[in-house]
């Protein structure tokens, strides 16, 4: 079975408070990016082994620690399924804040559910995915969601960006999750993100923020320069996705972006 594991972007990302368990309370709206995806192939095997081969972007990680292998083993442990052969054709950049690894893991869980006829519903699949990461449950539903808690509590939202052009730019440098959270300053917003998103998109740039941007931009000027480039190029709204380092822009018309960085363009 072969699946396209698409990535996501974040419209706004607010770090509200630090929790007693060490995690942070978040408020963000995640949107799927259909045209930028990894290809995940999942097949049954006659043994009880989980094997992994890769292609595309080099996966600099031991197979045992790869999140797709962990996803398959989670399903083996929980439901006594048999062996699984995995192949990951990696196309979504690492260290980008695009959720590529989380999407891959969720694809494996959903594929095993179908291959082995487990009949698990979406809430159960999302609960399993949440054991592997905070944003993995999003990819079970794969539609715009307001994400709170650690990012795993989701409420569907209507965000209509049809007809706009999306540009995603990823510089060579990455940002680790630890670095992103180390410099953030939690704060409780005065207005809900969903209410802010109801405003015209022309107002978003001044009122929708990613709380990771200030200290990440200070440490990584190249990321800030990309955001500035998108805005100069006519973006109606531009921001860093998640904890970075990818930056995206929303355009009314097909943009002409000249950069040596990784770039993805699609019409929504």
Foldseek 3Di string as FASTA:
>chain_A
DKDWLFWKFWFFKAFAAADPVRFTKIWIKIATDVPFTKMKDKDFDPAQAEEEAEAAPDDPDPPCPQLLSVLLVLCCVVPVDGYMYMYIYDGDDPQFLGCHSLSNSLVSNVVCCVNVVVPDDLVVSLVSSVVSHQCSSCNSVNHIWTATDSRSDTDHDDQDLAQKKKKKWAAPDHDDPCNLVVPFDHHHDPDHPNVVSVDPLLCSAPPGAHRSPPVVCVVPVVQVVVQVQQVVQAFSHKYGGHNRDMIMGIHNDDTDDDDPTDMDMDGD
